[in-house]
Amino acid sequence: RDNAKNMVYLQMNSLKPEDTAVYYCTVNLSRRYWGQGTQVT
């Protein structure tokens, strides 16, 4: 994460077909908030 930029990252290496999914950024405030997701194939 980069707190100065309000950014969080996920570095994915050695990807496998079973990693295919929609990936969501989340934060737990009073409840868990979800982004709209980004497709990884």
PDB file of all heavy atoms in Angstrom:
ATOM      1  N   ARG A   1       0.830  -1.197   0.000  1.00  0.00           N
ATOM      2  CA  ARG A   1       0.000   0.000   0.000  1.00  0.00           C
ATOM      3  C   ARG A   1       0.860   1.241   0.000  1.00  0.00           C
ATOM      4  O   ARG A   1       2.022   1.222   0.430  1.00  0.00           O
ATOM      5  CB  ARG A   1      -0.962   0.012   1.197  1.00  0.00           C
ATOM      6  CG  ARG A   1      -0.288   0.157   2.548  1.00  0.00           C
ATOM      7  CD  ARG A   1      -1.268  -0.115   3.682  1.00  0.00           C
ATOM      8  NE  ARG A   1      -2.345   0.866   3.731  1.00  0.00           N
ATOM      9  CZ  ARG A   1      -3.522   0.659   4.318  1.00  0.00           C
ATOM     10  NH1 ARG A   1      -3.778  -0.503   4.913  1.00  0.00           N
ATOM     11  NH2 ARG A   1      -4.441   1.619   4.315  1.00  0.00           N
ATOM     12  N   ASP A   2       0.291   2.332  -0.476  1.00  0.00           N
ATOM     13  CA  ASP A   2       0.929   3.638  -0.455  1.00  0.00           C
ATOM     14  C   ASP A   2      -0.069   4.589   0.191  1.00  0.00           C
ATOM     15  O   ASP A   2      -1.015   5.049  -0.452  1.00  0.00           O
ATOM     16  CB  ASP A   2       1.288   4.087  -1.872  1.00  0.00           C
ATOM     17  CG  ASP A   2       2.066   5.390  -1.896  1.00  0.00           C
ATOM     18  OD1 ASP A   2       2.038   6.143  -0.904  1.00  0.00           O
ATOM     19  OD2 ASP A   2       2.717   5.661  -2.923  1.00  0.00           O
ATOM     20  N   ASN A   3       0.123   4.854   1.470  1.00  0.00           N
ATOM     21  CA  ASN A   3      -0.840   5.672   2.198  1.00  0.00           C
ATOM     22  C   ASN A   3      -0.865   7.122   1.722  1.00  0.00           C
ATOM     23  O   ASN A   3      -1.883   7.803   1.862  1.00  0.00           O
ATOM     24  CB  ASN A   3      -0.564   5.610   3.701  1.00  0.00           C
ATOM     25  CG  ASN A   3      -1.050   4.315   4.320  1.00  0.00           C
ATOM     26  OD1 ASN A   3      -1.701   3.499   3.662  1.00  0.00           O
ATOM     27  ND2 ASN A   3      -0.726   4.113   5.589  1.00  0.00           N
ATOM     28  N   ALA A   4       0.232   7.607   1.168  1.00  0.00           N
ATOM     29  CA  ALA A   4       0.262   8.969   0.644  1.00  0.00           C
ATOM     30  C   ALA A   4      -0.617   9.123  -0.586  1.00  0.00           C
ATOM     31  O   ALA A   4      -1.054  10.225  -0.908  1.00  0.00           O
ATOM     32  CB  ALA A   4       1.692   9.384   0.322  1.00  0.00           C
ATOM     33  N   LYS A   5      -0.874   8.018  -1.280  1.00  0.00           N
ATOM     34  CA  LYS A   5      -1.676   8.041  -2.499  1.00  0.00           C
ATOM     35  C   LYS A   5      -3.029   7.362  -2.342  1.00  0.00           C
ATOM     36  O   LYS A   5      -3.790   7.287  -3.308  1.00  0.00           O
ATOM     37  CB  LYS A   5      -0.915   7.378  -3.644  1.00  0.00           C
ATOM     38  CG  LYS A   5       0.358   8.091  -4.043  1.00  0.00           C
ATOM     39  CD  LYS A   5       1.055   7.373  -5.187  1.00  0.00           C
ATOM     40  CE  LYS A   5       2.299   8.113  -5.621  1.00  0.00           C
ATOM     41  NZ  LYS A   5       3.000   7.411  -6.722  1.00  0.00           N
ATOM     42  N   ASN A   6      -3.334   6.863  -1.150  1.00  0.00           N
ATOM     43  CA  ASN A   6      -4.568   6.107  -0.917  1.00  0.00           C
ATOM     44  C   ASN A   6      -4.704   4.962  -1.914  1.00  0.00           C
ATOM     45  O   ASN A   6      -5.760   4.745  -2.514  1.00  0.00           O
ATOM     46  CB  ASN A   6      -5.795   7.012  -0.982  1.00  0.00           C
ATOM     47  CG  ASN A   6      -5.965   7.886   0.243  1.00  0.00           C
ATOM     48  OD1 ASN A   6      -5.058   8.035   1.062  1.00  0.00           O
ATOM     49  ND2 ASN A   6      -7.137   8.482   0.384  1.00  0.00           N
ATOM     50  N   MET A   7      -3.623   4.221  -2.079  1.00  0.00           N
ATOM     51  CA  MET A   7      -3.589   3.125  -3.041  1.00  0.00           C
ATOM     52  C   MET A   7      -3.173   1.832  -2.356  1.00  0.00           C
ATOM     53  O   MET A   7      -2.316   1.830  -1.468  1.00  0.00           O
ATOM     54  CB  MET A   7      -2.613   3.416  -4.176  1.00  0.00           C
ATOM     55  CG  MET A   7      -2.975   4.615  -5.032  1.00  0.00           C
ATOM     56  SD  MET A   7      -4.397   4.290  -6.117  1.00  0.00           S
ATOM     57  CE  MET A   7      -3.690   3.067  -7.226  1.00  0.00           C
ATOM     58  N   VAL A   8      -3.764   0.749  -2.788  1.00  0.00           N
ATOM     59  CA  VAL A   8      -3.356  -0.579  -2.368  1.00  0.00           C
ATOM     60  C   VAL A   8      -3.179  -1.425  -3.621  1.00  0.00           C
ATOM     61  O   VAL A   8      -3.905  -1.243  -4.607  1.00  0.00           O
ATOM     62  CB  VAL A   8      -4.365  -1.199  -1.369  1.00  0.00           C
ATOM     63  CG1 VAL A   8      -5.747  -1.336  -1.997  1.00  0.00           C
ATOM     64  CG2 VAL A   8      -3.858  -2.535  -0.836  1.00  0.00           C
ATOM     65  N   TYR A   9      -2.205  -2.333  -3.578  1.00  0.00           N
ATOM     66  CA  TYR A   9      -1.829  -3.106  -4.751  1.00  0.00           C
ATOM     67  C   TYR A   9      -1.820  -4.592  -4.438  1.00  0.00           C
ATOM     68  O   TYR A   9      -1.599  -5.013  -3.306  1.00  0.00           O
ATOM     69  CB  TYR A   9      -0.432  -2.702  -5.230  1.00  0.00           C
ATOM     70  CG  TYR A   9      -0.262  -1.216  -5.420  1.00  0.00           C
ATOM     71  CD1 TYR A   9       0.295  -0.431  -4.416  1.00  0.00           C
ATOM     72  CD2 TYR A   9      -0.669  -0.595  -6.596  1.00  0.00           C
ATOM     73  CE1 TYR A   9       0.446   0.939  -4.581  1.00  0.00           C
ATOM     74  CE2 TYR A   9      -0.526   0.765  -6.767  1.00  0.00           C
ATOM     75  CZ  TYR A   9       0.035   1.530  -5.761  1.00  0.00           C
ATOM     76  OH  TYR A   9       0.179   2.883  -5.938  1.00  0.00           O
ATOM     77  N   LEU A  10      -2.046  -5.382  -5.458  1.00  0.00           N
ATOM     78  CA  LEU A  10      -1.893  -6.824  -5.364  1.00  0.00           C
ATOM     79  C   LEU A  10      -0.971  -7.263  -6.489  1.00  0.00           C
ATOM     80  O   LEU A  10      -1.332  -7.155  -7.661  1.00  0.00           O
ATOM     81  CB  LEU A  10      -3.238  -7.544  -5.463  1.00  0.00           C
ATOM     82  CG  LEU A  10      -3.181  -9.068  -5.323  1.00  0.00           C
ATOM     83  CD1 LEU A  10      -2.773  -9.461  -3.903  1.00  0.00           C
ATOM     84  CD2 LEU A  10      -4.524  -9.696  -5.691  1.00  0.00           C
ATOM     85  N   GLN A  11       0.210  -7.727  -6.132  1.00  0.00           N
ATOM     86  CA  GLN A  11       1.159  -8.252  -7.102  1.00  0.00           C
ATOM     87  C   GLN A  11       0.956  -9.756  -7.203  1.00  0.00           C
ATOM     88  O   GLN A  11       1.076 -10.468  -6.208  1.00  0.00           O
ATOM     89  CB  GLN A  11       2.593  -7.942  -6.685  1.00  0.00           C
ATOM     90  CG  GLN A  11       3.656  -8.477  -7.635  1.00  0.00           C
ATOM     91  CD  GLN A  11       3.626  -7.801  -8.987  1.00  0.00           C
ATOM     92  OE1 GLN A  11       3.560  -6.579  -9.065  1.00  0.00           O
ATOM     93  NE2 GLN A  11       3.665  -8.588 -10.057  1.00  0.00           N
ATOM     94  N   MET A  12       0.656 -10.229  -8.388  1.00  0.00           N
ATOM     95  CA  MET A  12       0.391 -11.637  -8.630  1.00  0.00           C
ATOM     96  C   MET A  12       1.431 -12.172  -9.600  1.00  0.00           C
ATOM     97  O   MET A  12       1.543 -11.687 -10.728  1.00  0.00           O
ATOM     98  CB  MET A  12      -1.016 -11.838  -9.194  1.00  0.00           C
ATOM     99  CG  MET A  12      -2.110 -11.255  -8.314  1.00  0.00           C
ATOM    100  SD  MET A  12      -3.770 -11.607  -8.945  1.00  0.00           S
ATOM    101  CE  MET A  12      -3.754 -10.617 -10.431  1.00  0.00           C
ATOM    102  N   ASN A  13       2.178 -13.160  -9.159  1.00  0.00           N
ATOM    103  CA  ASN A  13       3.204 -13.795  -9.975  1.00  0.00           C
ATOM    104  C   ASN A  13       2.877 -15.268 -10.150  1.00  0.00           C
ATOM    105  O   ASN A  13       2.086 -15.843  -9.412  1.00  0.00           O
ATOM    106  CB  ASN A  13       4.579 -13.640  -9.321  1.00  0.00           C
ATOM    107  CG  ASN A  13       5.002 -12.203  -9.141  1.00  0.00           C
ATOM    108  OD1 ASN A  13       4.713 -11.351  -9.976  1.00  0.00           O
ATOM    109  ND2 ASN A  13       5.710 -11.928  -8.047  1.00  0.00           N
ATOM    110  N   SER A  14       3.528 -15.883 -11.114  1.00  0.00           N
ATOM    111  CA  SER A  14       3.361 -17.313 -11.379  1.00  0.00           C
ATOM    112  C   SER A  14       1.887 -17.695 -11.454  1.00  0.00           C
ATOM    113  O   SER A  14       1.439 -18.664 -10.838  1.00  0.00           O
ATOM    114  CB  SER A  14       4.081 -18.143 -10.304  1.00  0.00           C
ATOM    115  OG  SER A  14       5.457 -17.824 -10.256  1.00  0.00           O
ATOM    116  N   LEU A  15       1.150 -16.937 -12.221  1.00  0.00           N
ATOM    117  CA  LEU A  15      -0.300 -17.115 -12.272  1.00  0.00           C
ATOM    118  C   LEU A  15      -0.689 -18.458 -12.883  1.00  0.00           C
ATOM    119  O   LEU A  15      -0.032 -18.952 -13.800  1.00  0.00           O
ATOM    120  CB  LEU A  15      -0.940 -15.968 -13.045  1.00  0.00           C
ATOM    121  CG  LEU A  15      -1.035 -14.668 -12.241  1.00  0.00           C
ATOM    122  CD1 LEU A  15      -1.245 -13.482 -13.160  1.00  0.00           C
ATOM    123  CD2 LEU A  15      -2.167 -14.763 -11.215  1.00  0.00           C
ATOM    124  N   LYS A  16      -1.761 -18.999 -12.348  1.00  0.00           N
ATOM    125  CA  LYS A  16      -2.298 -20.284 -12.771  1.00  0.00           C
ATOM    126  C   LYS A  16      -3.722 -20.093 -13.281  1.00  0.00           C
ATOM    127  O   LYS A  16      -4.400 -19.148 -12.885  1.00  0.00           O
ATOM    128  CB  LYS A  16      -2.319 -21.261 -11.591  1.00  0.00           C
ATOM    129  CG  LYS A  16      -0.982 -21.460 -10.908  1.00  0.00           C
ATOM    130  CD  LYS A  16      -1.141 -22.320  -9.668  1.00  0.00           C
ATOM    131  CE  LYS A  16       0.185 -22.526  -8.974  1.00  0.00           C
ATOM    132  NZ  LYS A  16       0.029 -23.363  -7.756  1.00  0.00           N
ATOM    133  N   PRO A  17      -4.201 -20.993 -14.141  1.00  0.00           N
ATOM    134  CA  PRO A  17      -5.585 -20.865 -14.605  1.00  0.00           C
ATOM    135  C   PRO A  17      -6.597 -20.789 -13.462  1.00  0.00           C
ATOM    136  O   PRO A  17      -7.606 -20.094 -13.593  1.00  0.00           O
ATOM    137  CB  PRO A  17      -5.784 -22.128 -15.448  1.00  0.00           C
ATOM    138  CG  PRO A  17      -4.420 -22.422 -15.976  1.00  0.00           C
ATOM    139  CD  PRO A  17      -3.483 -22.069 -14.850  1.00  0.00           C
ATOM    140  N   GLU A  18      -6.338 -21.483 -12.358  1.00  0.00           N
ATOM    141  CA  GLU A  18      -7.251 -21.442 -11.232  1.00  0.00           C
ATOM    142  C   GLU A  18      -7.280 -20.101 -10.512  1.00  0.00           C
ATOM    143  O   GLU A  18      -8.117 -19.888  -9.627  1.00  0.00           O
ATOM    144  CB  GLU A  18      -6.957 -22.572 -10.232  1.00  0.00           C
ATOM    145  CG  GLU A  18      -5.503 -22.650  -9.811  1.00  0.00           C
ATOM    146  CD  GLU A  18      -4.709 -23.690 -10.591  1.00  0.00           C
ATOM    147  OE1 GLU A  18      -4.836 -23.732 -11.834  1.00  0.00           O
ATOM    148  OE2 GLU A  18      -3.969 -24.468  -9.960  1.00  0.00           O
ATOM    149  N   ASP A  19      -6.387 -19.186 -10.867  1.00  0.00           N
ATOM    150  CA  ASP A  19      -6.436 -17.828 -10.341  1.00  0.00           C
ATOM    151  C   ASP A  19      -7.452 -16.967 -11.082  1.00  0.00           C
ATOM    152  O   ASP A  19      -7.697 -15.822 -10.675  1.00  0.00           O
ATOM    153  CB  ASP A  19      -5.063 -17.163 -10.429  1.00  0.00           C
ATOM    154  CG  ASP A  19      -4.025 -17.828  -9.545  1.00  0.00           C
ATOM    155  OD1 ASP A  19      -4.358 -18.206  -8.404  1.00  0.00           O
ATOM    156  OD2 ASP A  19      -2.871 -17.968  -9.996  1.00  0.00           O
ATOM    157  N   THR A  20      -8.019 -17.478 -12.153  1.00  0.00           N
ATOM    158  CA  THR A  20      -9.012 -16.733 -12.910  1.00  0.00           C
ATOM    159  C   THR A  20     -10.208 -16.406 -12.012  1.00  0.00           C
ATOM    160  O   THR A  20     -10.824 -17.295 -11.429  1.00  0.00           O
ATOM    161  CB  THR A  20      -9.475 -17.528 -14.133  1.00  0.00           C
ATOM    162  OG1 THR A  20      -8.371 -17.691 -15.029  1.00  0.00           O
ATOM    163  CG2 THR A  20     -10.605 -16.805 -14.861  1.00  0.00           C
ATOM    164  N   ALA A  21     -10.519 -15.129 -11.894  1.00  0.00           N
ATOM    165  CA  ALA A  21     -11.582 -14.684 -11.007  1.00  0.00           C
ATOM    166  C   ALA A  21     -11.769 -13.189 -11.176  1.00  0.00           C
ATOM    167  O   ALA A  21     -10.956 -12.508 -11.810  1.00  0.00           O
ATOM    168  CB  ALA A  21     -11.236 -14.999  -9.549  1.00  0.00           C
ATOM    169  N   VAL A  22     -12.833 -12.685 -10.582  1.00  0.00           N
ATOM    170  CA  VAL A  22     -12.973 -11.250 -10.399  1.00  0.00           C
ATOM    171  C   VAL A  22     -12.327 -10.903  -9.074  1.00  0.00           C
ATOM    172  O   VAL A  22     -12.629 -11.522  -8.048  1.00  0.00           O
ATOM    173  CB  VAL A  22     -14.444 -10.804 -10.420  1.00  0.00           C
ATOM    174  CG1 VAL A  22     -14.550  -9.304 -10.155  1.00  0.00           C
ATOM    175  CG2 VAL A  22     -15.084 -11.146 -11.757  1.00  0.00           C
ATOM    176  N   TYR A  23     -11.425  -9.942  -9.086  1.00  0.00           N
ATOM    177  CA  TYR A  23     -10.688  -9.543  -7.900  1.00  0.00           C
ATOM    178  C   TYR A  23     -11.251  -8.237  -7.361  1.00  0.00           C
ATOM    179  O   TYR A  23     -11.460  -7.281  -8.112  1.00  0.00           O
ATOM    180  CB  TYR A  23      -9.199  -9.397  -8.223  1.00  0.00           C
ATOM    181  CG  TYR A  23      -8.508 -10.733  -8.341  1.00  0.00           C
ATOM    182  CD1 TYR A  23      -8.728 -11.551  -9.450  1.00  0.00           C
ATOM    183  CD2 TYR A  23      -7.660 -11.199  -7.340  1.00  0.00           C
ATOM    184  CE1 TYR A  23      -8.126 -12.793  -9.552  1.00  0.00           C
ATOM    185  CE2 TYR A  23      -7.046 -12.435  -7.442  1.00  0.00           C
ATOM    186  CZ  TYR A  23      -7.282 -13.228  -8.545  1.00  0.00           C
ATOM    187  OH  TYR A  23      -6.675 -14.460  -8.645  1.00  0.00           O
ATOM    188  N   TYR A  24     -11.480  -8.220  -6.050  1.00  0.00           N
ATOM    189  CA  TYR A  24     -12.104  -7.093  -5.381  1.00  0.00           C
ATOM    190  C   TYR A  24     -11.187  -6.502  -4.316  1.00  0.00           C
ATOM    191  O   TYR A  24     -10.586  -7.233  -3.532  1.00  0.00           O
ATOM    192  CB  TYR A  24     -13.395  -7.522  -4.682  1.00  0.00           C
ATOM    193  CG  TYR A  24     -14.462  -8.053  -5.595  1.00  0.00           C
ATOM    194  CD1 TYR A  24     -14.541  -9.405  -5.884  1.00  0.00           C
ATOM    195  CD2 TYR A  24     -15.405  -7.195  -6.156  1.00  0.00           C
ATOM    196  CE1 TYR A  24     -15.528  -9.904  -6.719  1.00  0.00           C
ATOM    197  CE2 TYR A  24     -16.397  -7.683  -6.985  1.00  0.00           C
ATOM    198  CZ  TYR A  24     -16.451  -9.035  -7.263  1.00  0.00           C
ATOM    199  OH  TYR A  24     -17.436  -9.520  -8.084  1.00  0.00           O
ATOM    200  N   CYS A  25     -11.126  -5.197  -4.269  1.00  0.00           N
ATOM    201  CA  CYS A  25     -10.496  -4.460  -3.186  1.00  0.00           C
ATOM    202  C   CYS A  25     -11.539  -4.249  -2.097  1.00  0.00           C
ATOM    203  O   CYS A  25     -12.682  -3.871  -2.396  1.00  0.00           O
ATOM    204  CB  CYS A  25      -9.998  -3.121  -3.734  1.00  0.00           C
ATOM    205  SG  CYS A  25      -9.219  -2.030  -2.551  1.00  0.00           S
ATOM    206  N   THR A  26     -11.180  -4.501  -0.835  1.00  0.00           N
ATOM    207  CA  THR A  26     -12.152  -4.377   0.252  1.00  0.00           C
ATOM    208  C   THR A  26     -11.557  -3.690   1.464  1.00  0.00           C
ATOM    209  O   THR A  26     -10.351  -3.706   1.688  1.00  0.00           O
ATOM    210  CB  THR A  26     -12.708  -5.747   0.685  1.00  0.00           C
ATOM    211  OG1 THR A  26     -11.748  -6.447   1.479  1.00  0.00           O
ATOM    212  CG2 THR A  26     -13.107  -6.597  -0.518  1.00  0.00           C
ATOM    213  N   VAL A  27     -12.435  -3.092   2.255  1.00  0.00           N
ATOM    214  CA  VAL A  27     -12.065  -2.495   3.538  1.00  0.00           C
ATOM    215  C   VAL A  27     -13.199  -2.732   4.517  1.00  0.00           C
ATOM    216  O   VAL A  27     -14.377  -2.636   4.162  1.00  0.00           O
ATOM    217  CB  VAL A  27     -11.757  -0.986   3.394  1.00  0.00           C
ATOM    218  CG1 VAL A  27     -12.966  -0.208   2.870  1.00  0.00           C
ATOM    219  CG2 VAL A  27     -11.274  -0.405   4.718  1.00  0.00           C
ATOM    220  N   ASN A  28     -12.829  -3.067   5.748  1.00  0.00           N
ATOM    221  CA  ASN A  28     -13.821  -3.306   6.789  1.00  0.00           C
ATOM    222  C   ASN A  28     -13.949  -2.053   7.657  1.00  0.00           C
ATOM    223  O   ASN A  28     -13.088  -1.770   8.482  1.00  0.00           O
ATOM    224  CB  ASN A  28     -13.426  -4.511   7.633  1.00  0.00           C
ATOM    225  CG  ASN A  28     -14.518  -4.937   8.582  1.00  0.00           C
ATOM    226  OD1 ASN A  28     -15.680  -4.580   8.409  1.00  0.00           O
ATOM    227  ND2 ASN A  28     -14.158  -5.704   9.600  1.00  0.00           N
ATOM    228  N   LEU A  29     -15.005  -1.313   7.457  1.00  0.00           N
ATOM    229  CA  LEU A  29     -15.319  -0.160   8.303  1.00  0.00           C
ATOM    230  C   LEU A  29     -16.393  -0.630   9.291  1.00  0.00           C
ATOM    231  O   LEU A  29     -16.157  -1.575  10.035  1.00  0.00           O
ATOM    232  CB  LEU A  29     -15.768   1.022   7.441  1.00  0.00           C
ATOM    233  CG  LEU A  29     -14.760   1.443   6.359  1.00  0.00           C
ATOM    234  CD1 LEU A  29     -15.335   2.538   5.480  1.00  0.00           C
ATOM    235  CD2 LEU A  29     -13.447   1.889   6.973  1.00  0.00           C
ATOM    236  N   SER A  30     -17.552   0.004   9.328  1.00  0.00           N
ATOM    237  CA  SER A  30     -18.655  -0.550  10.110  1.00  0.00           C
ATOM    238  C   SER A  30     -19.169  -1.839   9.464  1.00  0.00           C
ATOM    239  O   SER A  30     -19.764  -2.688  10.134  1.00  0.00           O
ATOM    240  CB  SER A  30     -19.787   0.464  10.244  1.00  0.00           C
ATOM    241  OG  SER A  30     -20.242   0.891   8.975  1.00  0.00           O
ATOM    242  N   ARG A  31     -18.956  -1.962   8.176  1.00  0.00           N
ATOM    243  CA  ARG A  31     -19.197  -3.177   7.427  1.00  0.00           C
ATOM    244  C   ARG A  31     -18.091  -3.284   6.388  1.00  0.00           C
ATOM    245  O   ARG A  31     -17.314  -2.349   6.218  1.00  0.00           O
ATOM    246  CB  ARG A  31     -20.566  -3.162   6.752  1.00  0.00           C
ATOM    247  CG  ARG A  31     -20.717  -2.091   5.673  1.00  0.00           C
ATOM    248  CD  ARG A  31     -21.967  -2.323   4.854  1.00  0.00           C
ATOM    249  NE  ARG A  31     -22.193  -1.306   3.834  1.00  0.00           N
ATOM    250  CZ  ARG A  31     -21.705  -1.361   2.594  1.00  0.00           C
ATOM    251  NH1 ARG A  31     -20.933  -2.375   2.218  1.00  0.00           N
ATOM    252  NH2 ARG A  31     -21.983  -0.395   1.736  1.00  0.00           N
ATOM    253  N   ARG A  32     -18.033  -4.403   5.681  1.00  0.00           N
ATOM    254  CA  ARG A  32     -17.038  -4.532   4.633  1.00  0.00           C
ATOM    255  C   ARG A  32     -17.546  -3.898   3.342  1.00  0.00           C
ATOM    256  O   ARG A  32     -18.629  -4.223   2.860  1.00  0.00           O
ATOM    257  CB  ARG A  32     -16.659  -5.989   4.394  1.00  0.00           C
ATOM    258  CG  ARG A  32     -15.477  -6.142   3.439  1.00  0.00           C
ATOM    259  CD  ARG A  32     -14.900  -7.554   3.417  1.00  0.00           C
ATOM    260  NE  ARG A  32     -14.308  -7.933   4.693  1.00  0.00           N
ATOM    261  CZ  ARG A  32     -13.084  -7.600   5.088  1.00  0.00           C
ATOM    262  NH1 ARG A  32     -12.304  -6.874   4.309  1.00  0.00           N
ATOM    263  NH2 ARG A  32     -12.638  -7.998   6.276  1.00  0.00           N
ATOM    264  N   TYR A  33     -16.745  -2.998   2.801  1.00  0.00           N
ATOM    265  CA  TYR A  33     -17.034  -2.360   1.534  1.00  0.00           C
ATOM    266  C   TYR A  33     -16.251  -3.040   0.433  1.00  0.00           C
ATOM    267  O   TYR A  33     -15.095  -3.441   0.625  1.00  0.00           O
ATOM    268  CB  TYR A  33     -16.675  -0.871   1.567  1.00  0.00           C
ATOM    269  CG  TYR A  33     -17.618  -0.025   2.376  1.00  0.00           C
ATOM    270  CD1 TYR A  33     -17.499   0.057   3.758  1.00  0.00           C
ATOM    271  CD2 TYR A  33     -18.638   0.702   1.758  1.00  0.00           C
ATOM    272  CE1 TYR A  33     -18.369   0.829   4.504  1.00  0.00           C
ATOM    273  CE2 TYR A  33     -19.507   1.480   2.501  1.00  0.00           C
ATOM    274  CZ  TYR A  33     -19.366   1.537   3.871  1.00  0.00           C
ATOM    275  OH  TYR A  33     -20.228   2.315   4.608  1.00  0.00           O
ATOM    276  N   TRP A  34     -16.874  -3.134  -0.729  1.00  0.00           N
ATOM    277  CA  TRP A  34     -16.298  -3.809  -1.880  1.00  0.00           C
ATOM    278  C   TRP A  34     -16.238  -2.873  -3.072  1.00  0.00           C
ATOM    279  O   TRP A  34     -17.158  -2.090  -3.308  1.00  0.00           O
ATOM    280  CB  TRP A  34     -17.151  -5.020  -2.276  1.00  0.00           C
ATOM    281  CG  TRP A  34     -17.277  -6.052  -1.201  1.00  0.00           C
ATOM    282  CD1 TRP A  34     -18.007  -5.968  -0.050  1.00  0.00           C
ATOM    283  CD2 TRP A  34     -16.658  -7.341  -1.178  1.00  0.00           C
ATOM    284  NE1 TRP A  34     -17.872  -7.123   0.683  1.00  0.00           N
ATOM    285  CE2 TRP A  34     -17.055  -7.978   0.014  1.00  0.00           C
ATOM    286  CE3 TRP A  34     -15.807  -8.019  -2.062  1.00  0.00           C
ATOM    287  CZ2 TRP A  34     -16.630  -9.267   0.353  1.00  0.00           C
ATOM    288  CZ3 TRP A  34     -15.383  -9.291  -1.729  1.00  0.00           C
ATOM    289  CH2 TRP A  34     -15.801  -9.906  -0.533  1.00  0.00           C
ATOM    290  N   GLY A  35     -15.176  -2.959  -3.833  1.00  0.00           N
ATOM    291  CA  GLY A  35     -15.139  -2.299  -5.121  1.00  0.00           C
ATOM    292  C   GLY A  35     -15.982  -3.057  -6.122  1.00  0.00           C
ATOM    293  O   GLY A  35     -16.620  -4.070  -5.806  1.00  0.00           O
ATOM    294  N   GLN A  36     -15.999  -2.583  -7.357  1.00  0.00           N
ATOM    295  CA  GLN A  36     -16.795  -3.242  -8.391  1.00  0.00           C
ATOM    296  C   GLN A  36     -16.098  -4.460  -8.987  1.00  0.00           C
ATOM    297  O   GLN A  36     -16.732  -5.266  -9.664  1.00  0.00           O
ATOM    298  CB  GLN A  36     -17.158  -2.251  -9.507  1.00  0.00           C
ATOM    299  CG  GLN A  36     -16.055  -1.978 -10.522  1.00  0.00           C
ATOM    300  CD  GLN A  36     -14.901  -1.181  -9.956  1.00  0.00           C
ATOM    301  OE1 GLN A  36     -15.055  -0.433  -8.997  1.00  0.00           O
ATOM    302  NE2 GLN A  36     -13.726  -1.343 -10.547  1.00  0.00           N
ATOM    303  N   GLY A  37     -14.816  -4.581  -8.733  1.00  0.00           N
ATOM    304  CA  GLY A  37     -14.059  -5.730  -9.177  1.00  0.00           C
ATOM    305  C   GLY A  37     -13.360  -5.519 -10.504  1.00  0.00           C
ATOM    306  O   GLY A  37     -13.766  -4.700 -11.321  1.00  0.00           O
ATOM    307  N   THR A  38     -12.292  -6.280 -10.711  1.00  0.00           N
ATOM    308  CA  THR A  38     -11.580  -6.287 -11.975  1.00  0.00           C
ATOM    309  C   THR A  38     -11.311  -7.740 -12.370  1.00  0.00           C
ATOM    310  O   THR A  38     -10.907  -8.555 -11.546  1.00  0.00           O
ATOM    311  CB  THR A  38     -10.273  -5.462 -11.899  1.00  0.00           C
ATOM    312  OG1 THR A  38      -9.665  -5.385 -13.188  1.00  0.00           O
ATOM    313  CG2 THR A  38      -9.282  -6.046 -10.897  1.00  0.00           C
ATOM    314  N   GLN A  39     -11.574  -8.061 -13.624  1.00  0.00           N
ATOM    315  CA  GLN A  39     -11.469  -9.438 -14.101  1.00  0.00           C
ATOM    316  C   GLN A  39     -10.019  -9.801 -14.384  1.00  0.00           C
ATOM    317  O   GLN A  39      -9.309  -9.081 -15.091  1.00  0.00           O
ATOM    318  CB  GLN A  39     -12.301  -9.617 -15.376  1.00  0.00           C
ATOM    319  CG  GLN A  39     -12.186 -10.997 -16.015  1.00  0.00           C
ATOM    320  CD  GLN A  39     -12.872 -12.070 -15.219  1.00  0.00           C
ATOM    321  OE1 GLN A  39     -14.021 -11.904 -14.808  1.00  0.00           O
ATOM    322  NE2 GLN A  39     -12.176 -13.178 -14.982  1.00  0.00           N
ATOM    323  N   VAL A  40      -9.602 -10.936 -13.853  1.00  0.00           N
ATOM    324  CA  VAL A  40      -8.305 -11.521 -14.163  1.00  0.00           C
ATOM    325  C   VAL A  40      -8.560 -12.872 -14.809  1.00  0.00           C
ATOM    326  O   VAL A  40      -9.222 -13.734 -14.223  1.00  0.00           O
ATOM    327  CB  VAL A  40      -7.436 -11.684 -12.902  1.00  0.00           C
ATOM    328  CG1 VAL A  40      -6.165 -12.480 -13.222  1.00  0.00           C
ATOM    329  CG2 VAL A  40      -7.087 -10.320 -12.323  1.00  0.00           C
ATOM    330  N   THR A  41      -8.047 -13.057 -16.008  1.00  0.00           N
ATOM    331  CA  THR A  41      -8.192 -14.315 -16.724  1.00  0.00           C
ATOM    332  C   THR A  41      -6.811 -14.854 -17.041  1.00  0.00           C
ATOM    333  O   THR A  41      -6.011 -14.178 -17.697  1.00  0.00           O
ATOM    334  CB  THR A  41      -9.001 -14.130 -18.010  1.00  0.00           C
ATOM    335  OG1 THR A  41     -10.282 -13.579 -17.700  1.00  0.00           O
ATOM    336  CG2 THR A  41      -9.179 -15.459 -18.727  1.00  0.00           C
TER     337      THR A  41
END
